[in-house]
Amino acid sequence: MNSELRSELLGMVDRMAELSKRMQEVRREKLRVDDRVEAMRAKMVLEIAAAKDAKGRVAYRNETLRQAVLATRLKEDEAFRGLVERLRDLEDDLAALRIERERLEGRKQVLLADVAGI
């Protein structure tokens, strides 16, 4: 194996390691955002379940109504929408990192096959 090819392969290995590290960082951030989304959702569920009307009765008597109120509140909550958008961005980032890692892995396999004379 010539030194140029060896250098290219080593560079690919380093880049793949960097991509793996970045993927793990994105996964951790996604978990943190997921936790915040679930905490916001849980808080709203509790608020809706505990809501009383002017006469002190349960405001939302059935599950369908509670779910509709929850969906409406979540849709109207800017912080919640921002977190959901952040989750989408993180998922896109993770997909892009996976694609790049797969591309490098494929390129590495082609170079190794060339070296082996396959």
Protein backbone atom coordinates (compact mmCIF):
# COMPACT_ATOMS: atom_id res chain seq x y z
CA MET A 1 0.00 0.00 0.00
CA ASN A 2 1.51 3.32 -1.01
CA SER A 3 1.81 6.13 1.50
CA GLU A 4 -0.76 8.32 -0.26
CA LEU A 5 -3.42 5.59 -0.07
CA ARG A 6 -2.49 4.79 3.51
CA SER A 7 -2.81 8.46 4.43
CA GLU A 8 -6.20 8.67 2.73
CA LEU A 9 -7.46 5.57 4.56
CA LEU A 10 -6.20 6.85 7.91
CA GLY A 11 -7.89 10.18 7.24
CA MET A 12 -11.14 8.37 6.52
CA VAL A 13 -10.88 6.41 9.74
CA ASP A 14 -10.30 9.64 11.67
CA ARG A 15 -13.23 11.35 9.94
CA MET A 16 -15.49 8.35 10.65
CA ALA A 17 -14.51 8.52 14.32
CA GLU A 18 -15.32 12.24 14.37
CA LEU A 19 -18.69 11.54 12.77
CA SER A 20 -19.45 8.83 15.35
CA LYS A 21 -18.58 11.25 18.15
CA ARG A 22 -20.78 13.96 16.65
CA MET A 23 -23.63 11.45 16.22
CA GLN A 24 -23.41 10.62 19.91
CA GLU A 25 -23.49 14.31 20.82
CA VAL A 26 -26.59 14.81 18.67
CA ARG A 27 -28.27 11.76 20.27
CA ARG A 28 -27.58 13.17 23.75
CA GLU A 29 -28.98 16.57 22.79
CA LYS A 30 -32.03 14.88 21.29
CA LEU A 31 -32.63 13.01 24.56
CA ARG A 32 -32.41 16.27 26.52
CA VAL A 33 -34.91 17.95 24.21
CA ASP A 34 -37.18 14.87 24.30
CA ASP A 35 -37.16 15.05 28.11
CA ARG A 36 -38.15 18.72 28.03
CA VAL A 37 -40.95 18.02 25.53
CA GLU A 38 -42.30 15.19 27.68
CA ALA A 39 -42.10 17.34 30.83
CA MET A 40 -44.07 20.11 29.15
CA ARG A 41 -46.64 17.63 27.89
CA ALA A 42 -46.98 16.03 31.34
CA LYS A 43 -47.41 19.41 33.00
CA MET A 44 -50.20 20.34 30.60
CA VAL A 45 -51.89 16.97 31.05
CA LEU A 46 -51.94 17.53 34.81
CA GLU A 47 -53.26 21.06 34.43
CA ILE A 48 -56.04 19.87 32.14
CA ALA A 49 -56.93 16.96 34.41
CA ALA A 50 -57.11 19.27 37.44
CA ALA A 51 -59.04 22.05 35.68
CA LYS A 52 -62.34 23.03 37.27
CA ASP A 53 -65.19 25.07 35.89
CA ALA A 54 -66.78 28.06 37.67
CA LYS A 55 -68.87 25.69 39.82
CA GLY A 56 -65.83 23.67 40.93
CA ARG A 57 -66.63 20.66 38.75
CA VAL A 58 -64.20 18.88 36.47
CA ALA A 59 -63.86 21.08 33.39
CA TYR A 60 -63.00 18.36 30.89
CA ARG A 61 -65.12 15.30 31.63
CA ASN A 62 -63.95 12.80 29.03
CA GLU A 63 -60.68 11.65 27.55
CA THR A 64 -61.50 12.82 24.03
CA LEU A 65 -62.11 16.36 25.23
CA ARG A 66 -58.96 16.33 27.38
CA GLN A 67 -56.91 15.13 24.40
CA ALA A 68 -58.38 17.87 22.18
CA VAL A 69 -57.58 20.53 24.78
CA LEU A 70 -54.05 19.16 25.14
CA ALA A 71 -53.47 19.17 21.38
CA THR A 72 -54.73 22.74 21.13
CA ARG A 73 -52.59 23.99 24.02
CA LEU A 74 -49.47 22.29 22.71
CA LYS A 75 -50.05 23.70 19.24
CA GLU A 76 -50.41 27.20 20.69
CA ASP A 77 -47.39 26.98 23.00
CA GLU A 78 -44.39 28.68 21.37
CA ALA A 79 -41.83 27.02 23.62
CA PHE A 80 -43.26 23.58 22.86
CA ARG A 81 -43.30 24.26 19.12
CA GLY A 82 -39.70 25.45 19.33
CA LEU A 83 -38.65 22.25 21.05
CA VAL A 84 -40.46 20.12 18.49
CA GLU A 85 -38.71 22.04 15.71
CA ARG A 86 -35.38 21.52 17.48
CA LEU A 87 -36.10 17.77 17.59
CA ARG A 88 -36.73 17.77 13.84
CA ASP A 89 -33.48 19.63 13.25
CA LEU A 90 -31.58 17.14 15.41
CA GLU A 91 -33.13 14.22 13.54
CA ASP A 92 -32.06 15.83 10.25
CA ASP A 93 -28.54 16.35 11.61
CA LEU A 94 -28.35 12.73 12.72
CA ALA A 95 -29.54 11.50 9.32
CA ALA A 96 -26.94 13.65 7.54
CA LEU A 97 -24.18 12.34 9.81
CA ARG A 98 -25.25 8.74 9.16
CA ILE A 99 -25.25 9.29 5.42
CA GLU A 100 -21.78 10.83 5.51
CA ARG A 101 -20.47 7.98 7.67
CA GLU A 102 -21.95 5.39 5.29
CA ARG A 103 -20.42 7.22 2.33
CA LEU A 104 -17.00 7.18 3.95
CA GLU A 105 -17.37 3.52 4.89
CA GLY A 106 -18.25 2.68 1.29
CA ARG A 107 -15.30 4.67 -0.03
CA LYS A 108 -13.01 2.94 2.45
CA GLN A 109 -14.23 -0.48 1.33
CA VAL A 110 -13.61 0.41 -2.33
CA LEU A 111 -10.07 1.55 -1.55
CA LEU A 112 -9.36 -1.60 0.48
CA ALA A 113 -10.73 -3.76 -2.32
CA ASP A 114 -8.47 -1.95 -4.80
CA VAL A 115 -5.49 -2.57 -2.57
CA ALA A 116 -6.39 -6.25 -2.24
CA GLY A 117 -6.75 -6.49 -6.01
CA ILE A 118 -10.38 -7.55 -5.89
